[in-house]
């Protein structure tokens, strides 16, 4: 931050004075945020992000750039899918600058709704009256180590995974609930011994031999040469995502073109014939 500790202390004290209440518990060797500080933290972070983007955009305009496309994405699309789209777009529009921010669905919806981000990829359904959304049902696959005996199967079901060590996404994720329901309906106990926040982390854990997992095709079907293979899973499960823009402001120029490319590529993934691709 390029500030000394006393300068930070003075700034925080002035902020508390302006607000009329304290934000931190202070004692010798002890300094922690109070609930009030935690409540304000997300809004403060978004405000700082908006100011940084303003500075960046102002600089780009001054340098004569052709445009700036600001994209916010959840992790499921940001780690593998979006780099492919951005790379293809950049090869055609070299003078267009792109910014990719990885945030939660609620944060992305807030930024798009307030005009601080042009395009967002979020969990569906998208919430917000000021948002326009195109929804996609991304197929899911089972990923496992390439030397796993189940790799010889052309289609996997809950019964195949009975008594197998499962890796899952966090419990409140919509896909985790769908997977759990599929196992229960098949009469197979759902036993996820490892859970985490990102599909990409689940894939890394599979690569390390920690178990098998059911993930979206954006994560599972990408070729990373990491010793992980994918197989179609039945019943057919979908990871529902949406591409959002601000409903009262039509995108122009590069942002509109980038939106079209993103939607087209997601339609390709949505319509994948997993049975054919797996052979």
Protein backbone atom coordinates (compact mmCIF):
# COMPACT_ATOMS: atom_id res chain seq x y z
CA UNK A 1 0.00 0.00 0.00
CA UNK A 2 3.10 2.22 0.25
CA UNK A 3 1.89 3.54 3.60
CA UNK A 4 3.44 3.36 7.04
CA UNK A 5 1.63 1.63 9.88
CA UNK A 6 0.91 4.95 11.69
CA UNK A 7 -0.57 6.39 8.48
CA UNK A 8 -2.93 3.42 8.18
CA UNK A 9 -3.93 3.78 11.84
CA UNK A 10 -4.74 7.47 11.33
CA UNK A 11 -6.78 6.72 8.20
CA UNK A 12 -8.79 4.02 10.00
CA UNK A 13 -9.38 6.31 12.97
CA UNK A 14 -10.69 9.05 10.66
CA UNK A 15 -12.98 6.56 8.94
CA UNK A 16 -14.41 5.41 12.27
CA UNK A 17 -14.90 9.02 13.32
CA UNK A 18 -16.79 9.74 10.11
CA UNK A 19 -18.98 6.65 10.52
CA UNK A 20 -19.66 7.24 14.19
CA UNK A 21 -18.74 3.73 15.35
CA UNK A 22 -15.64 1.56 15.69
CA UNK A 23 -14.70 -1.07 13.12
CA UNK A 24 -11.92 -2.89 14.95
CA UNK A 25 -11.20 -4.35 18.35
CA UNK A 26 -7.85 -3.03 19.56
CA UNK A 27 -5.71 -4.15 22.44
CA UNK A 28 -2.02 -4.84 22.95
CA UNK A 29 -0.97 -7.28 20.25
CA UNK A 30 -4.59 -7.81 19.21
CA UNK A 31 -6.34 -6.14 16.26
CA UNK A 32 -9.35 -7.79 14.61
CA UNK A 33 -12.34 -6.53 12.59
CA UNK A 34 -15.73 -6.23 14.25
CA UNK A 35 -18.92 -7.49 12.51
CA UNK A 36 -19.56 -3.94 11.28
CA UNK A 37 -16.25 -3.97 9.39
CA UNK A 38 -17.01 -7.32 7.80
CA UNK A 39 -20.40 -6.03 6.63
CA UNK A 40 -18.77 -3.04 4.94
CA UNK A 41 -15.83 -4.96 3.47
CA UNK A 42 -17.51 -6.28 0.30
CA UNK A 43 -18.91 -2.86 -0.66
CA UNK A 44 -15.52 -1.28 -0.02
CA UNK A 45 -13.79 -3.86 -2.19
CA UNK A 46 -16.25 -3.27 -5.04
CA UNK A 47 -15.86 0.50 -4.74
CA UNK A 48 -12.07 0.22 -4.96
CA UNK A 49 -12.39 -2.13 -7.94
CA UNK A 50 -14.68 0.35 -9.71
CA UNK A 51 -12.20 3.19 -9.14
CA UNK A 52 -9.29 1.10 -10.43
CA UNK A 53 -11.26 0.23 -13.56
CA UNK A 54 -12.06 3.91 -14.10
CA UNK A 55 -8.36 4.75 -13.93
CA UNK A 56 -7.51 1.92 -16.33
CA UNK A 57 -10.18 2.86 -18.83
CA UNK A 58 -9.20 6.54 -18.73
CA UNK A 59 -5.59 5.60 -19.47
CA UNK A 60 -6.60 3.34 -22.38
CA UNK A 61 -8.71 6.10 -23.94
CA UNK A 62 -5.79 8.49 -23.62
CA UNK A 63 -3.49 5.99 -25.34
CA UNK A 64 -5.85 5.65 -28.29
CA UNK A 65 -6.87 2.03 -27.72
CA UNK A 66 -9.75 0.72 -29.83
CA UNK A 67 -11.74 -0.35 -26.81
CA UNK A 68 -11.91 -2.15 -23.52
CA UNK A 69 -14.00 -5.25 -22.75
CA UNK A 70 -14.59 -5.95 -19.06
CA UNK A 71 -15.61 -9.50 -18.20
CA UNK A 72 -16.54 -11.04 -14.85
CA UNK A 73 -16.74 -14.79 -14.47
CA UNK A 74 -17.29 -17.48 -11.90
CA UNK A 75 -14.39 -19.90 -11.52
CA UNK A 76 -16.02 -22.72 -13.49
CA UNK A 77 -15.75 -20.74 -16.74
CA UNK A 78 -12.80 -18.49 -15.90
CA UNK A 79 -10.03 -21.05 -15.55
CA UNK A 80 -10.23 -22.99 -18.83
CA UNK A 81 -13.08 -21.73 -21.04
CA UNK A 82 -12.56 -17.97 -20.90
CA UNK A 83 -8.81 -18.09 -21.71
CA UNK A 84 -9.68 -19.91 -24.95
CA UNK A 85 -12.30 -17.31 -25.89
CA UNK A 86 -10.06 -14.39 -24.93
CA UNK A 87 -7.11 -15.80 -26.87
CA UNK A 88 -9.20 -16.28 -30.02
CA UNK A 89 -10.73 -12.82 -29.71
CA UNK A 90 -7.39 -11.12 -29.05
CA UNK A 91 -5.84 -12.71 -32.14
CA UNK A 92 -8.50 -10.95 -34.25
CA UNK A 93 -8.75 -7.69 -32.29
CA UNK A 94 -5.20 -6.96 -31.18
CA UNK A 95 -5.87 -3.34 -30.17
CA UNK A 96 -8.75 -4.20 -27.87
CA UNK A 97 -7.87 -4.56 -24.19
CA UNK A 98 -9.65 -7.14 -22.04
CA UNK A 99 -10.04 -7.41 -18.28
CA UNK A 100 -11.12 -10.69 -16.66
CA UNK A 101 -12.20 -10.68 -13.03
CA UNK A 102 -13.04 -13.88 -11.14
CA UNK A 103 -15.80 -13.17 -8.63
CA UNK A 104 -18.89 -14.77 -7.10
CA UNK A 105 -22.18 -14.69 -9.01
CA UNK A 106 -23.60 -12.03 -6.69
CA UNK A 107 -20.57 -9.78 -7.08
CA UNK A 108 -20.58 -10.14 -10.88
CA UNK A 109 -24.31 -9.38 -11.05
CA UNK A 110 -23.73 -6.25 -8.96
CA UNK A 111 -20.88 -5.06 -11.19
CA UNK A 112 -22.77 -5.70 -14.44
CA UNK A 113 -25.96 -4.12 -13.10
CA UNK A 114 -24.04 -0.97 -12.15
CA UNK A 115 -22.20 -0.73 -15.45
CA UNK A 116 -18.81 -1.52 -13.93
CA UNK A 117 -18.46 -4.73 -15.96
CA UNK A 118 -19.70 -5.31 -19.51
CA UNK A 119 -20.30 -9.06 -19.54
CA UNK A 120 -20.72 -11.57 -16.75
CA UNK A 121 -20.81 -15.36 -16.51
CA UNK A 122 -22.72 -16.46 -13.42
CA UNK A 123 -24.64 -19.35 -11.93
CA UNK A 124 -28.16 -19.55 -13.34
CA UNK A 125 -30.73 -18.28 -12.75
CA UNK A 126 -29.29 -14.77 -12.79
CA UNK A 127 -30.81 -12.35 -10.28
CA UNK A 128 -31.36 -8.66 -10.92
CA UNK A 129 -34.02 -6.54 -12.59
CA UNK A 130 -31.43 -4.58 -14.57
CA UNK A 131 -29.89 -7.72 -16.08
CA UNK A 132 -30.45 -9.49 -19.38
CA UNK A 133 -29.45 -13.16 -19.37
CA UNK A 134 -28.81 -15.97 -21.84
CA UNK A 135 -28.88 -19.30 -20.02
CA UNK A 136 -26.89 -22.45 -20.82
CA UNK A 137 -27.22 -26.00 -19.55
CA UNK A 138 -23.64 -27.28 -19.58
CA UNK A 139 -23.41 -31.11 -19.53
CA UNK A 140 -21.51 -32.81 -16.74
CA UNK A 141 -19.05 -35.69 -16.91
CA UNK A 142 -17.27 -38.00 -14.52
CA UNK A 143 -13.51 -37.47 -14.34
CA UNK A 144 -11.05 -40.08 -13.13
CA UNK A 145 -7.36 -41.03 -13.45
CA UNK A 146 -6.51 -42.51 -16.85
CA UNK A 147 -5.27 -45.73 -15.20
CA UNK A 148 -8.49 -46.22 -13.23
CA UNK A 149 -10.30 -49.50 -14.06
CA UNK A 150 -13.48 -47.52 -14.74
CA UNK A 151 -11.71 -45.74 -17.63
CA UNK A 152 -12.55 -48.77 -19.78
CA UNK A 153 -16.28 -48.02 -19.39
CA UNK A 154 -18.08 -45.93 -22.02
CA UNK A 155 -20.71 -44.62 -19.59
CA UNK A 156 -20.62 -44.29 -15.81
CA UNK A 157 -23.53 -44.37 -13.36
CA UNK A 158 -23.87 -44.03 -9.58
CA UNK A 159 -23.70 -47.82 -9.34
CA UNK A 160 -20.24 -47.80 -10.93
CA UNK A 161 -19.13 -45.34 -8.25
CA UNK A 162 -20.49 -47.27 -5.28
CA UNK A 163 -17.87 -47.36 -2.52
CA UNK A 164 -15.55 -45.11 -4.54
CA UNK A 165 -13.87 -42.11 -2.93
CA UNK A 166 -15.76 -39.09 -4.29
CA UNK A 167 -14.61 -35.48 -4.58
CA UNK A 168 -17.42 -32.93 -4.61
CA UNK A 169 -18.07 -29.23 -4.94
CA UNK A 170 -19.19 -27.39 -1.80
CA UNK A 171 -22.49 -28.53 -0.28
CA UNK A 172 -24.64 -25.51 -1.16
CA UNK A 173 -23.70 -25.64 -4.86
CA UNK A 174 -26.63 -26.51 -7.19
CA UNK A 175 -24.66 -29.25 -8.96
CA UNK A 176 -23.72 -30.93 -5.70
CA UNK A 177 -27.43 -31.18 -4.85
CA UNK A 178 -28.16 -32.72 -8.26
CA UNK A 179 -25.37 -35.29 -7.86
CA UNK A 180 -26.51 -36.19 -4.37
CA UNK A 181 -30.10 -36.65 -5.60
CA UNK A 182 -28.93 -38.86 -8.48
CA UNK A 183 -27.08 -41.17 -6.11
CA UNK A 184 -29.97 -41.35 -3.66
CA UNK A 185 -32.45 -42.12 -6.46
CA UNK A 186 -30.16 -44.91 -7.68
CA UNK A 187 -30.00 -46.36 -4.18
CA UNK A 188 -26.27 -45.67 -3.88
CA UNK A 189 -24.98 -43.97 -0.72
CA UNK A 190 -23.47 -40.55 -1.42
CA UNK A 191 -20.07 -40.47 0.29
CA UNK A 192 -18.04 -37.41 -0.66
CA UNK A 193 -14.90 -37.48 1.47
CA UNK A 194 -13.37 -34.32 -0.03
CA UNK A 195 -15.15 -31.10 -0.98
CA UNK A 196 -13.81 -27.82 -2.34
CA UNK A 197 -14.85 -24.54 -3.95
CA UNK A 198 -13.73 -24.82 -7.59
CA UNK A 199 -14.22 -27.53 -10.23
CA UNK A 200 -10.60 -26.97 -11.27
CA UNK A 201 -9.41 -27.90 -7.78
CA UNK A 202 -11.56 -31.03 -7.96
CA UNK A 203 -9.79 -31.94 -11.20
CA UNK A 204 -6.36 -31.36 -9.63
CA UNK A 205 -7.33 -33.65 -6.77
CA UNK A 206 -8.39 -36.35 -9.26
CA UNK A 207 -5.05 -35.94 -11.03
CA UNK A 208 -3.31 -36.56 -7.69
CA UNK A 209 -5.25 -39.80 -7.20
CA UNK A 210 -7.49 -38.49 -4.41
CA UNK A 211 -10.69 -39.88 -5.94
CA UNK A 212 -13.16 -39.38 -8.80
CA UNK A 213 -15.51 -36.45 -9.39
CA UNK A 214 -18.46 -35.20 -11.42
CA UNK A 215 -17.81 -31.78 -12.94
CA UNK A 216 -19.03 -29.58 -15.77
CA UNK A 217 -17.75 -30.20 -19.30
CA UNK A 218 -15.95 -26.85 -19.31
CA UNK A 219 -13.61 -28.32 -16.69
CA UNK A 220 -13.82 -32.05 -17.35
CA UNK A 221 -13.44 -32.22 -21.13
CA UNK A 222 -10.50 -29.86 -21.57
CA UNK A 223 -7.25 -31.60 -22.61
CA UNK A 224 -4.62 -30.69 -20.01
CA UNK A 225 -2.35 -33.75 -20.31
CA UNK A 226 -2.68 -34.18 -16.55
CA UNK A 227 -3.52 -37.89 -16.54
CA UNK A 228 -7.24 -37.22 -16.10
CA UNK A 229 -9.87 -38.65 -18.46
CA UNK A 230 -13.60 -38.10 -18.62
CA UNK A 231 -16.57 -40.34 -19.29
CA UNK A 232 -20.27 -39.49 -19.80
CA UNK A 233 -22.39 -39.83 -16.68
CA UNK A 234 -25.97 -41.02 -16.34
CA UNK A 235 -28.39 -39.67 -15.33
CA UNK A 236 -27.78 -36.62 -17.47
CA UNK A 237 -26.82 -33.75 -15.16
CA UNK A 238 -26.42 -30.11 -16.13
CA UNK A 239 -24.51 -27.19 -14.67
CA UNK A 240 -26.71 -24.15 -15.30
CA UNK A 241 -24.91 -20.91 -16.04
CA UNK A 242 -25.89 -17.60 -17.63
CA UNK A 243 -24.19 -14.86 -19.60
CA UNK A 244 -25.46 -11.51 -18.35
CA UNK A 245 -25.35 -7.94 -19.60
CA UNK A 246 -27.10 -4.77 -18.50
CA UNK A 247 -30.62 -4.77 -19.92
CA UNK A 248 -30.95 -1.03 -20.45
CA UNK A 249 -27.62 -0.54 -22.23
CA UNK A 250 -26.80 -2.27 -25.52
CA UNK A 251 -23.18 -3.32 -25.88
CA UNK A 252 -21.30 -1.64 -28.69
CA UNK A 253 -18.24 -2.45 -30.77
CA UNK A 254 -15.70 -4.90 -29.28
CA UNK A 255 -17.85 -5.76 -26.25
CA UNK A 256 -20.75 -6.78 -28.50
CA UNK A 257 -18.43 -8.91 -30.65
CA UNK A 258 -16.91 -10.55 -27.58
CA UNK A 259 -20.38 -11.33 -26.24
CA UNK A 260 -21.35 -12.98 -29.54
CA UNK A 261 -18.20 -15.12 -29.52
CA UNK A 262 -18.71 -16.18 -25.90
CA UNK A 263 -22.35 -17.15 -26.48
CA UNK A 264 -21.47 -19.08 -29.65
CA UNK A 265 -18.74 -21.08 -27.88
CA UNK A 266 -21.00 -21.89 -24.94
CA UNK A 267 -23.66 -23.15 -27.36
CA UNK A 268 -21.06 -25.52 -28.82
CA UNK A 269 -20.27 -26.91 -25.37
CA UNK A 270 -23.95 -27.10 -24.44
CA UNK A 271 -24.69 -29.24 -27.51
CA UNK A 272 -21.72 -31.60 -27.21
CA UNK A 273 -22.49 -35.25 -27.93
CA UNK A 274 -20.56 -36.67 -25.01
CA UNK A 275 -21.16 -40.28 -26.00
CA UNK A 276 -19.52 -39.76 -29.39
CA UNK A 277 -16.68 -37.64 -28.01
CA UNK A 278 -15.81 -40.23 -25.36
CA UNK A 279 -15.22 -43.04 -27.84
